[in-house]
Each structure stands twice: as structure tokens, then as C-alpha cells.
N, C-alpha and C. Protein backbone atom coordinates (compact mmCIF):
# COMPACT_ATOMS: atom_id res chain seq x y z
N UNK A 1 0.79 -1.03 0.09
CA UNK A 1 -0.03 -0.07 0.04
C UNK A 1 0.81 1.17 0.03
N UNK A 2 0.54 2.20 -0.85
CA UNK A 2 1.43 3.45 -0.94
C UNK A 2 1.33 4.16 0.37
N UNK A 3 2.47 4.91 0.67
CA UNK A 3 2.51 5.71 1.80
C UNK A 3 1.67 7.07 1.65
N UNK A 4 0.98 7.57 2.60
CA UNK A 4 0.21 8.74 2.51
C UNK A 4 1.06 9.98 2.69
N UNK A 5 0.50 11.18 2.43
CA UNK A 5 1.19 12.39 2.54
C UNK A 5 1.63 12.50 4.05
N UNK A 6 0.76 12.09 4.92
CA UNK A 6 0.91 12.32 6.31
C UNK A 6 2.08 11.45 6.80
N UNK A 7 2.07 10.13 6.29
CA UNK A 7 3.10 9.35 6.61
C UNK A 7 4.47 9.71 6.08
N UNK A 8 4.39 10.17 5.01
CA UNK A 8 5.79 10.80 4.38
C UNK A 8 6.13 12.00 5.08
N UNK A 9 5.35 12.81 5.61
CA UNK A 9 5.67 14.04 6.34
C UNK A 9 6.28 13.64 7.63
N UNK A 10 5.67 12.52 8.23
CA UNK A 10 6.24 11.98 9.50
C UNK A 10 7.68 11.47 9.44
N UNK A 11 8.00 10.90 8.26
CA UNK A 11 9.29 10.34 7.96
C UNK A 11 10.27 11.59 7.77
N UNK A 12 9.79 12.54 6.96
CA UNK A 12 10.65 13.70 6.68
C UNK A 12 11.03 14.54 8.02
N UNK A 13 10.05 14.57 8.92
CA UNK A 13 10.34 15.30 10.20
C UNK A 13 11.54 14.71 10.98
N UNK A 14 11.90 13.49 10.58
CA UNK A 14 13.01 12.81 11.34
C UNK A 14 14.31 13.40 10.78
N UNK A 15 14.32 13.99 9.53
CA UNK A 15 15.51 14.43 8.88
C UNK A 15 15.54 15.95 8.47
N UNK A 16 14.57 16.51 8.75
CA UNK A 16 14.48 18.04 8.56
C UNK A 16 13.75 18.87 9.67
N UNK A 17 14.17 20.04 9.94
CA UNK A 17 13.57 20.86 11.02
C UNK A 17 12.49 21.84 10.49
N UNK A 18 11.73 22.38 11.56
CA UNK A 18 10.81 23.29 10.95
C UNK A 18 11.26 24.88 11.51
N UNK A 19 12.48 24.76 12.06
CA UNK A 19 13.02 25.99 12.57
C UNK A 19 14.41 26.18 12.26
N UNK A 20 15.10 27.30 12.65
CA UNK A 20 16.55 27.57 12.22
C UNK A 20 17.37 27.55 13.56
N UNK A 21 16.85 26.81 14.56
CA UNK A 21 17.57 26.77 15.87
C UNK A 21 19.04 26.52 15.78
N UNK A 22 19.42 25.61 14.87
CA UNK A 22 20.86 25.18 14.65
C UNK A 22 21.70 26.23 13.75
N UNK A 23 21.01 27.01 13.03
CA UNK A 23 21.68 27.90 12.00
C UNK A 23 22.82 28.70 12.76
N UNK A 24 23.91 28.79 12.19
CA UNK A 24 25.11 29.44 12.70
C UNK A 24 25.62 28.95 14.01
N UNK A 25 25.36 27.74 14.24
CA UNK A 25 25.90 27.17 15.53
C UNK A 25 26.94 26.11 15.18
N UNK A 26 27.96 25.87 16.07
CA UNK A 26 28.99 24.99 15.90
C UNK A 26 28.67 23.38 15.87
N UNK A 27 27.34 23.16 16.15
CA UNK A 27 26.92 21.81 16.21
C UNK A 27 25.77 21.53 15.21
N UNK A 28 25.65 20.45 14.63
CA UNK A 28 24.71 20.09 13.66
C UNK A 28 23.32 19.71 14.35
N UNK A 29 22.33 20.02 13.75
CA UNK A 29 21.02 19.60 14.12
C UNK A 29 20.91 18.07 14.21
N UNK A 30 20.25 17.53 15.25
CA UNK A 30 20.07 16.12 15.20
C UNK A 30 19.43 15.41 14.07
N UNK A 31 18.45 16.19 13.35
CA UNK A 31 17.96 15.76 12.04
C UNK A 31 19.01 15.74 10.88
N UNK A 32 19.90 16.64 10.94
CA UNK A 32 20.94 16.57 9.94
C UNK A 32 22.02 15.42 10.23
N UNK A 33 22.31 15.07 11.42
CA UNK A 33 23.13 14.01 11.88
C UNK A 33 22.39 12.67 11.42
N UNK A 34 21.07 12.56 11.66
CA UNK A 34 20.31 11.49 11.20
C UNK A 34 20.45 11.20 9.67
N UNK A 35 20.36 12.32 8.95
CA UNK A 35 20.47 12.29 7.42
C UNK A 35 21.77 11.86 7.05
N UNK A 36 22.81 12.29 7.69
CA UNK A 36 24.23 11.89 7.35
C UNK A 36 24.41 10.44 7.64
N UNK A 37 23.96 10.00 8.76
CA UNK A 37 24.02 8.60 9.07
C UNK A 37 23.27 7.57 8.26
N UNK A 38 22.03 8.13 7.79
CA UNK A 38 21.24 7.33 6.67
C UNK A 38 22.07 7.32 5.47
N UNK A 39 22.74 8.39 5.00
CA UNK A 39 23.47 8.29 3.69
C UNK A 39 24.68 7.31 4.00
N UNK A 40 25.22 7.28 5.15
CA UNK A 40 26.42 6.28 5.28
C UNK A 40 25.86 4.91 5.06
N UNK A 41 24.75 4.62 5.59
CA UNK A 41 24.09 3.18 5.40
C UNK A 41 23.83 3.05 3.95
N UNK A 42 23.24 4.00 3.33
CA UNK A 42 22.73 3.85 1.92
C UNK A 42 23.90 3.65 0.99
N UNK A 43 25.03 4.35 1.27
CA UNK A 43 26.13 4.36 0.31
C UNK A 43 26.88 3.04 0.39
N UNK A 44 26.53 2.21 1.29
CA UNK A 44 27.10 0.85 1.41
C UNK A 44 26.56 -0.07 0.23
N UNK A 45 25.42 0.32 -0.36
CA UNK A 45 24.79 -0.33 -1.39
C UNK A 45 25.06 0.42 -2.76
N UNK A 46 26.06 1.09 -2.87
CA UNK A 46 26.29 1.96 -4.03
C UNK A 46 26.54 0.92 -5.20
N UNK A 47 27.03 -0.23 -5.03
CA UNK A 47 27.28 -1.16 -6.20
C UNK A 47 26.03 -1.50 -6.94
N UNK A 48 24.88 -1.49 -6.13
CA UNK A 48 23.54 -1.67 -6.75
C UNK A 48 23.05 -0.53 -7.72
N UNK A 49 23.48 0.65 -7.16
CA UNK A 49 23.28 1.92 -7.99
C UNK A 49 24.07 1.77 -9.17
N UNK A 50 25.24 1.60 -9.20
CA UNK A 50 26.09 1.40 -10.48
C UNK A 50 25.64 0.39 -11.31
N UNK A 51 25.27 -0.72 -10.90
CA UNK A 51 24.76 -1.69 -11.66
C UNK A 51 23.46 -1.23 -12.37
N UNK A 52 22.52 -0.54 -11.71
CA UNK A 52 21.36 0.16 -12.38
C UNK A 52 21.80 1.05 -13.44
N UNK A 53 22.76 1.87 -13.19
CA UNK A 53 23.14 2.76 -14.19
C UNK A 53 23.75 2.03 -15.52
N UNK A 54 24.44 0.92 -15.26
CA UNK A 54 24.87 0.02 -16.40
C UNK A 54 23.69 -0.44 -17.20
N UNK A 55 22.59 -0.93 -16.48
CA UNK A 55 21.54 -1.48 -17.13
C UNK A 55 20.84 -0.35 -17.99
N UNK A 56 20.74 0.87 -17.52
CA UNK A 56 20.16 1.90 -18.15
C UNK A 56 20.91 2.19 -19.50
N UNK A 57 22.19 2.16 -19.51
CA UNK A 57 22.95 2.35 -20.68
C UNK A 57 22.70 1.32 -21.68
N UNK A 58 22.32 0.08 -21.34
CA UNK A 58 21.91 -0.95 -22.27
C UNK A 58 20.54 -0.74 -22.79
N UNK A 59 19.58 -0.25 -21.87
CA UNK A 59 18.25 -0.14 -22.21
C UNK A 59 18.01 1.10 -23.14
N UNK A 60 18.92 2.11 -23.01
CA UNK A 60 18.82 3.36 -23.66
C UNK A 60 20.03 3.73 -24.65
N UNK A 61 20.18 2.80 -25.64
CA UNK A 61 21.37 3.10 -26.48
C UNK A 61 21.36 4.45 -27.11
N UNK A 62 22.56 5.03 -27.13
CA UNK A 62 22.66 6.40 -27.63
C UNK A 62 22.51 7.51 -26.65
N UNK A 63 21.85 7.20 -25.51
CA UNK A 63 21.72 8.21 -24.45
C UNK A 63 22.90 8.33 -23.63
N UNK A 64 23.28 9.40 -23.16
CA UNK A 64 24.33 9.50 -22.13
C UNK A 64 23.61 9.45 -20.82
N UNK A 65 24.07 8.39 -20.01
CA UNK A 65 23.60 8.22 -18.74
C UNK A 65 24.60 8.65 -17.72
N UNK A 66 24.14 9.36 -16.69
CA UNK A 66 24.86 10.06 -15.77
C UNK A 66 24.40 9.75 -14.29
N UNK A 67 25.24 9.91 -13.34
CA UNK A 67 24.91 9.95 -11.94
C UNK A 67 24.87 11.26 -11.34
N UNK A 68 23.66 11.71 -10.87
CA UNK A 68 23.55 13.01 -10.33
C UNK A 68 23.43 13.01 -8.74
N UNK A 69 23.76 11.87 -8.13
CA UNK A 69 23.53 11.74 -6.76
C UNK A 69 24.53 12.65 -6.03
N UNK A 70 23.91 13.31 -5.06
CA UNK A 70 24.79 14.20 -4.21
C UNK A 70 24.11 14.07 -2.82
N UNK A 71 24.97 13.83 -1.84
CA UNK A 71 24.45 13.48 -0.46
C UNK A 71 23.94 14.82 0.11
N UNK A 72 23.95 15.88 -0.48
CA UNK A 72 23.30 16.94 -0.02
C UNK A 72 21.78 16.87 -0.20
N UNK A 73 21.42 16.26 -1.18
CA UNK A 73 20.06 15.70 -1.44
C UNK A 73 19.64 14.47 -0.70
N UNK A 74 18.45 14.08 -0.83
CA UNK A 74 17.92 12.81 -0.13
C UNK A 74 17.50 11.79 -1.13
N UNK A 75 18.35 11.70 -2.21
CA UNK A 75 18.10 10.62 -3.31
C UNK A 75 19.19 10.22 -4.17
N UNK A 76 19.22 9.08 -4.62
CA UNK A 76 20.10 8.64 -5.71
C UNK A 76 19.43 9.32 -6.93
N UNK A 77 20.19 9.87 -7.76
CA UNK A 77 19.70 10.49 -9.01
C UNK A 77 20.44 10.17 -10.18
N UNK A 78 19.80 9.73 -11.14
CA UNK A 78 20.32 9.34 -12.55
C UNK A 78 19.89 10.39 -13.46
N UNK A 79 20.63 10.51 -14.60
CA UNK A 79 20.19 11.44 -15.64
C UNK A 79 20.43 10.66 -16.96
N UNK A 80 19.39 10.96 -17.94
CA UNK A 80 19.56 10.43 -19.32
C UNK A 80 19.40 11.48 -20.33
N UNK A 81 20.53 11.74 -21.01
CA UNK A 81 20.48 12.77 -22.05
C UNK A 81 20.34 12.16 -23.38
N UNK A 82 19.44 12.75 -24.23
CA UNK A 82 19.27 12.09 -25.54
C UNK A 82 20.53 12.26 -26.44
N UNK A 83 20.69 11.51 -27.53
CA UNK A 83 21.53 11.58 -28.51
C UNK A 83 21.49 13.13 -28.99
N UNK A 84 22.71 13.72 -29.31
CA UNK A 84 22.69 15.11 -29.61
C UNK A 84 23.92 15.30 -30.62
N UNK A 85 23.71 16.24 -31.57
CA UNK A 85 24.83 16.63 -32.47
C UNK A 85 25.88 17.38 -31.68
N UNK A 86 25.45 17.97 -30.56
CA UNK A 86 26.42 18.76 -29.68
C UNK A 86 26.21 18.27 -28.21
N UNK A 87 27.01 17.38 -27.78
CA UNK A 87 26.76 16.80 -26.41
C UNK A 87 26.90 17.89 -25.29
N UNK A 88 27.79 18.94 -25.67
CA UNK A 88 27.88 19.99 -24.73
C UNK A 88 26.62 20.95 -24.34
N UNK A 89 25.66 20.69 -25.44
CA UNK A 89 24.56 21.46 -25.35
C UNK A 89 23.16 20.53 -25.54
N UNK A 90 23.04 19.74 -24.47
CA UNK A 90 21.86 18.74 -24.58
C UNK A 90 20.53 19.54 -24.46
N UNK A 91 19.62 19.05 -25.34
CA UNK A 91 18.41 19.83 -25.36
C UNK A 91 17.49 19.66 -24.17
N UNK A 92 17.69 18.51 -23.56
CA UNK A 92 16.69 17.97 -22.46
C UNK A 92 17.41 16.95 -21.63
N UNK A 93 16.91 16.64 -20.48
CA UNK A 93 17.41 15.57 -19.73
C UNK A 93 16.18 14.97 -18.92
N UNK A 94 16.16 13.62 -18.80
CA UNK A 94 15.22 12.92 -17.82
C UNK A 94 16.05 12.59 -16.60
N UNK A 95 15.33 12.84 -15.43
CA UNK A 95 16.00 12.52 -14.23
C UNK A 95 15.16 11.62 -13.46
N UNK A 96 15.78 10.55 -13.01
CA UNK A 96 15.11 9.59 -12.06
C UNK A 96 15.73 9.67 -10.67
N UNK A 97 14.84 9.60 -9.58
CA UNK A 97 15.37 9.87 -8.27
C UNK A 97 14.70 8.65 -7.49
N UNK A 98 15.56 8.10 -6.65
CA UNK A 98 15.12 7.08 -5.60
C UNK A 98 15.41 7.68 -4.25
N UNK A 99 14.38 7.93 -3.44
CA UNK A 99 14.58 8.55 -2.08
C UNK A 99 15.26 7.59 -1.20
N UNK A 100 16.17 8.18 -0.46
CA UNK A 100 16.79 7.36 0.72
C UNK A 100 15.79 7.37 1.96
N UNK A 101 14.89 8.26 1.93
CA UNK A 101 14.04 8.31 3.24
C UNK A 101 12.82 7.32 3.11
N UNK A 102 12.34 7.08 2.05
CA UNK A 102 11.13 6.10 1.83
C UNK A 102 11.24 5.40 0.53
N UNK A 103 10.41 4.33 0.45
CA UNK A 103 10.53 3.44 -0.82
C UNK A 103 9.80 3.92 -1.89
N UNK A 104 10.15 5.19 -2.35
CA UNK A 104 9.48 5.89 -3.51
C UNK A 104 10.42 6.51 -4.43
N UNK A 105 9.99 6.72 -5.61
CA UNK A 105 10.90 7.44 -6.68
C UNK A 105 9.97 8.29 -7.38
N UNK A 106 10.68 9.24 -8.15
CA UNK A 106 9.99 10.12 -9.00
C UNK A 106 10.91 10.36 -10.37
N UNK A 107 10.28 10.81 -11.30
CA UNK A 107 11.07 10.94 -12.67
C UNK A 107 10.51 12.36 -13.04
N UNK A 108 11.44 13.24 -13.48
CA UNK A 108 11.04 14.57 -14.04
C UNK A 108 11.99 14.81 -15.14
N UNK A 109 11.68 15.85 -15.79
CA UNK A 109 12.42 16.43 -16.98
C UNK A 109 12.89 17.81 -16.74
N UNK A 110 14.02 18.11 -17.42
CA UNK A 110 14.46 19.47 -17.47
C UNK A 110 14.76 19.77 -18.88
N UNK A 111 14.21 20.82 -19.49
CA UNK A 111 14.41 21.42 -20.91
C UNK A 111 15.46 22.45 -20.77
N UNK A 112 16.55 22.35 -21.48
CA UNK A 112 17.47 23.48 -21.46
C UNK A 112 17.10 24.48 -22.43
N UNK A 113 17.45 25.71 -22.24
CA UNK A 113 17.27 26.93 -23.22
C UNK A 113 18.65 27.52 -23.47
N UNK A 114 18.90 27.88 -24.74
CA UNK A 114 20.12 28.37 -25.21
C UNK A 114 19.87 29.56 -25.97
N UNK A 115 20.91 30.50 -25.94
CA UNK A 115 20.90 31.60 -26.91
C UNK A 115 22.29 31.54 -27.50
N UNK A 116 22.16 30.99 -28.79
CA UNK A 116 23.45 30.63 -29.50
C UNK A 116 24.13 29.46 -28.66
N UNK A 117 25.36 29.54 -28.16
CA UNK A 117 25.93 28.37 -27.36
C UNK A 117 25.83 28.77 -25.91
N UNK A 118 25.23 29.77 -25.57
CA UNK A 118 25.06 30.12 -24.08
C UNK A 118 23.83 29.50 -23.47
N UNK A 119 24.04 28.86 -22.38
CA UNK A 119 22.86 28.38 -21.60
C UNK A 119 22.24 29.47 -20.85
N UNK A 120 20.88 29.71 -21.21
CA UNK A 120 20.25 30.87 -20.61
C UNK A 120 19.14 30.47 -19.51
N UNK A 121 18.79 29.24 -19.50
CA UNK A 121 17.71 28.77 -18.66
C UNK A 121 17.37 27.43 -18.82
N UNK A 122 16.32 27.08 -18.08
CA UNK A 122 15.74 25.67 -18.07
C UNK A 122 14.23 25.77 -17.78
N UNK A 123 13.56 24.68 -18.04
CA UNK A 123 12.15 24.48 -17.59
C UNK A 123 12.18 23.12 -17.03
N UNK A 124 11.58 23.05 -15.81
CA UNK A 124 11.57 21.76 -15.01
C UNK A 124 10.05 21.26 -15.24
N UNK A 125 9.96 19.93 -15.54
CA UNK A 125 8.74 19.32 -15.65
C UNK A 125 8.54 18.18 -14.59
N UNK A 126 7.85 18.61 -13.52
CA UNK A 126 7.70 17.74 -12.42
C UNK A 126 6.57 16.76 -12.58
N UNK A 127 5.60 17.13 -13.48
CA UNK A 127 4.34 16.32 -13.68
C UNK A 127 4.38 15.76 -15.11
N UNK A 128 3.55 16.28 -15.96
CA UNK A 128 3.41 15.72 -17.31
C UNK A 128 4.75 16.04 -18.03
N UNK A 129 5.44 15.07 -18.65
CA UNK A 129 6.56 15.19 -19.52
C UNK A 129 6.18 15.45 -20.87
N UNK A 130 6.93 16.21 -21.57
CA UNK A 130 6.83 16.47 -23.15
C UNK A 130 7.01 15.05 -23.61
N UNK A 131 6.31 14.93 -24.85
CA UNK A 131 6.32 13.59 -25.64
C UNK A 131 7.74 13.04 -25.76
N UNK A 132 8.65 13.72 -26.16
CA UNK A 132 10.05 13.22 -26.31
C UNK A 132 10.68 12.71 -25.08
N UNK A 133 10.29 13.03 -23.97
CA UNK A 133 10.86 12.62 -22.68
C UNK A 133 10.24 11.40 -22.18
N UNK A 134 9.10 11.06 -22.65
CA UNK A 134 8.33 10.00 -22.03
C UNK A 134 8.91 8.53 -22.29
N UNK A 135 9.36 8.17 -23.52
CA UNK A 135 9.95 6.93 -23.61
C UNK A 135 11.13 6.61 -22.66
N UNK A 136 12.09 7.48 -22.62
CA UNK A 136 13.17 7.25 -21.58
C UNK A 136 12.71 7.25 -20.13
N UNK A 137 11.75 8.13 -19.89
CA UNK A 137 11.20 8.03 -18.60
C UNK A 137 10.48 6.64 -18.25
N UNK A 138 9.82 6.20 -19.17
CA UNK A 138 9.20 4.82 -18.93
C UNK A 138 10.28 3.68 -18.71
N UNK A 139 11.33 3.76 -19.44
CA UNK A 139 12.44 2.80 -19.18
C UNK A 139 13.09 2.93 -17.70
N UNK A 140 13.38 4.25 -17.42
CA UNK A 140 13.83 4.40 -16.09
C UNK A 140 12.96 4.02 -14.99
N UNK A 141 11.67 4.37 -15.16
CA UNK A 141 10.61 3.89 -14.09
C UNK A 141 10.63 2.31 -13.95
N UNK A 142 10.52 1.70 -15.06
CA UNK A 142 10.49 0.21 -15.16
C UNK A 142 11.72 -0.35 -14.38
N UNK A 143 12.86 0.14 -14.63
CA UNK A 143 14.19 -0.32 -14.11
C UNK A 143 14.30 0.05 -12.64
N UNK A 144 13.84 1.17 -12.17
CA UNK A 144 13.84 1.55 -10.83
C UNK A 144 12.94 0.66 -10.05
N UNK A 145 11.71 0.39 -10.50
CA UNK A 145 10.74 -0.34 -9.79
C UNK A 145 11.34 -1.87 -9.63
N UNK A 146 11.85 -2.32 -10.73
CA UNK A 146 12.42 -3.77 -10.69
C UNK A 146 13.56 -3.86 -9.83
N UNK A 147 14.57 -3.05 -9.88
CA UNK A 147 15.75 -3.17 -9.10
C UNK A 147 15.69 -2.69 -7.74
N UNK A 148 15.00 -1.52 -7.40
CA UNK A 148 14.95 -1.10 -6.02
C UNK A 148 13.75 -1.27 -5.33
N UNK A 149 12.76 -1.90 -5.97
CA UNK A 149 11.41 -2.24 -5.45
C UNK A 149 10.77 -1.07 -4.73
N UNK A 150 10.64 0.09 -5.58
CA UNK A 150 10.09 1.26 -4.93
C UNK A 150 8.78 1.63 -6.04
N UNK A 151 8.16 2.51 -5.37
CA UNK A 151 6.85 2.86 -6.11
C UNK A 151 6.96 4.39 -6.55
N UNK A 152 6.33 4.74 -7.68
CA UNK A 152 6.22 6.05 -7.99
C UNK A 152 5.50 6.87 -7.03
N UNK A 153 5.98 8.17 -6.60
CA UNK A 153 5.33 9.08 -5.76
C UNK A 153 4.39 9.84 -6.59
N UNK A 154 3.09 9.73 -6.40
CA UNK A 154 2.11 10.52 -7.26
C UNK A 154 2.48 11.94 -7.05
N UNK A 155 2.26 12.60 -8.19
CA UNK A 155 2.54 14.07 -8.29
C UNK A 155 1.86 14.85 -7.23
N UNK A 156 0.47 14.61 -7.05
CA UNK A 156 -0.25 15.45 -6.13
C UNK A 156 0.31 15.16 -4.52
N UNK A 157 0.92 14.00 -4.25
CA UNK A 157 1.43 13.86 -3.02
C UNK A 157 2.78 14.50 -2.91
N UNK A 158 3.59 14.39 -4.08
CA UNK A 158 4.79 14.95 -3.99
C UNK A 158 4.82 16.62 -3.84
N UNK A 159 3.76 17.19 -4.36
CA UNK A 159 3.56 18.62 -4.37
C UNK A 159 2.85 19.03 -3.05
N UNK A 160 2.64 18.13 -2.09
CA UNK A 160 2.05 18.58 -0.76
C UNK A 160 3.00 19.46 0.03
N UNK A 161 2.57 20.82 0.39
CA UNK A 161 3.39 21.68 1.15
C UNK A 161 3.60 20.97 2.52
N UNK A 162 4.88 21.23 3.01
CA UNK A 162 5.17 20.77 4.35
C UNK A 162 5.79 21.91 5.14
N UNK A 163 5.73 21.92 6.41
CA UNK A 163 6.20 22.91 7.41
C UNK A 163 7.70 22.72 7.72
N UNK A 164 8.50 22.17 6.90
CA UNK A 164 9.87 22.02 7.19
C UNK A 164 10.76 22.83 6.27
N UNK A 165 11.99 23.08 6.74
CA UNK A 165 12.98 23.75 5.99
C UNK A 165 13.84 22.74 5.32
N UNK A 166 14.13 22.80 4.11
CA UNK A 166 14.77 21.83 3.27
C UNK A 166 15.88 22.66 2.47
N UNK A 167 17.05 22.48 2.93
CA UNK A 167 18.18 23.30 2.24
C UNK A 167 17.83 24.75 2.40
N UNK A 168 17.62 25.47 1.31
CA UNK A 168 17.35 26.91 1.26
C UNK A 168 15.95 27.15 1.10
N UNK A 169 15.17 26.08 1.03
CA UNK A 169 13.61 26.25 0.77
C UNK A 169 12.90 26.23 2.09
N UNK A 170 12.04 27.20 2.29
CA UNK A 170 11.25 27.38 3.57
C UNK A 170 9.78 27.34 3.26
N UNK A 171 9.04 27.03 4.26
CA UNK A 171 7.64 27.10 4.15
C UNK A 171 7.15 28.55 3.79
N UNK A 172 6.26 28.79 3.01
CA UNK A 172 5.32 27.75 2.33
C UNK A 172 5.66 27.16 0.98
N UNK A 173 6.96 27.40 0.75
CA UNK A 173 7.53 26.91 -0.64
C UNK A 173 8.10 25.46 -0.59
N UNK A 174 8.04 24.74 0.64
CA UNK A 174 8.72 23.51 0.70
C UNK A 174 7.56 22.38 0.49
N UNK A 175 8.01 21.38 -0.26
CA UNK A 175 7.14 20.30 -0.52
C UNK A 175 7.67 19.01 -0.27
N UNK A 176 6.86 17.84 -0.17
CA UNK A 176 7.40 16.53 0.00
C UNK A 176 8.56 16.22 -1.06
N UNK A 177 8.27 16.76 -2.18
CA UNK A 177 9.26 16.48 -3.31
C UNK A 177 10.61 16.93 -2.81
N UNK A 178 10.62 18.17 -2.31
CA UNK A 178 11.98 18.70 -1.92
C UNK A 178 12.58 17.87 -0.77
N UNK A 179 11.80 17.39 0.14
CA UNK A 179 12.31 16.68 1.33
C UNK A 179 12.67 15.25 0.92
N UNK A 180 12.02 14.57 0.06
CA UNK A 180 12.26 13.22 -0.46
C UNK A 180 13.33 13.12 -1.44
N UNK A 181 13.51 14.08 -2.27
CA UNK A 181 14.36 13.96 -3.46
C UNK A 181 15.37 15.15 -3.50
N UNK A 182 14.96 16.27 -3.84
CA UNK A 182 15.94 17.38 -3.98
C UNK A 182 15.16 18.76 -3.99
N UNK A 183 15.93 19.64 -3.37
CA UNK A 183 15.28 21.13 -3.31
C UNK A 183 15.60 21.83 -4.53
N UNK A 184 16.57 21.32 -5.38
CA UNK A 184 16.97 22.01 -6.69
C UNK A 184 16.96 21.02 -7.88
N UNK A 185 15.65 20.73 -8.27
CA UNK A 185 15.51 19.77 -9.43
C UNK A 185 16.24 20.19 -10.69
N UNK A 186 16.42 21.48 -10.90
CA UNK A 186 17.13 21.94 -12.11
C UNK A 186 18.67 21.69 -12.06
N UNK A 187 19.17 21.51 -10.89
CA UNK A 187 20.62 21.22 -10.75
C UNK A 187 20.91 19.68 -10.87
N UNK A 188 21.39 19.28 -12.01
CA UNK A 188 21.50 17.94 -12.28
C UNK A 188 22.89 17.37 -11.95
N UNK A 189 23.96 18.00 -12.12
CA UNK A 189 25.29 17.47 -11.82
C UNK A 189 25.49 17.33 -10.35
């Protein structure tokens, strides 16, 4: 049975605070310490993540598969860039995230915008992906579910506002998506 927004918020409360009590203090918040300890545990299974990325390369020939995992976030993240005439200027990327906090995943897309050769912006698709992003997203979803035994977090639950501070995001702009995956979906690397 899928976890409810209330259950996911209860989990997130173990790893994020609703106040800034520990800001500018020489000690870390207990929630931050728990998050670091959880990452230490999850990183012991890093071989499984690398094997997943290898599988994606086989399933998505021509795509450039990358690892966007950063322990500042709360998810393992992969990226799939489409074949391109100029790999330094990818048109878009599909990102798959597996939360370390709960048995859920999400997939989203980022469309890059250029002016000549200069990157000028991006558009993040957290819900409905453009048609060209859907086939690789389906492959990533299938592989995440099979290898990690996780379920897709419904968009409406992911966008539930939460009363917690996640990185630089503060209420009312913080959602379960930010707590479970990343507070900066546009930052892929």
C-alpha cells in the first residue's frame, strides 16, 4: 500500500527541522546528523546503484547516462540525455530519483534553453513530461521499480506543502518532493 502524505511527512520530520535553531551554531541539528548517518548506510549499497546505471545504458542506447547523486540531497539521482549533435548543449534530460528516506521514486524532466551557445535557462517538468521525454522516462521507471522495489510517488502527494526547511527552501515553498528527493531539481550534476 502506498504511503500517504501524512506518513511521508512524519518520515521527513526525522530528517528536517521546522526552525532555524541550529543555524550558525557549531553543532549540527539532530535531524542533519540522522540524514548523514542514513546516507552512510545507503552508500554501502552503491554497487547496486552502479549496476542500475549500467542497465540503463543498455536499455537506452545512444543516450548519455549520468549519476547526479549528491548527499546534500535525499535521493540517488540518474540522468538520461538524448543523443545530440552537440553533447555540450543537450536539449533536455530525464532525471530519475530514488529517495533514501522512503521506498518511493520520481521522474522529472529538464528542458534546457540556449541563446546561441550560451545556456540561458531551463524549464523543469515535475508532472506531465513532453512527448520526447516519455519513452526514456518509462524505461527508467521500469528499471527503478524492478531493481529497487520502489513505487512512483504520485505528483499530487509530491507537491504537498510541508512545514519544514529543506536546504534553502522554507515554508510555504517546501514540498514533500523537496524533502524526499531534491530542493533543486534543475541542478543535475
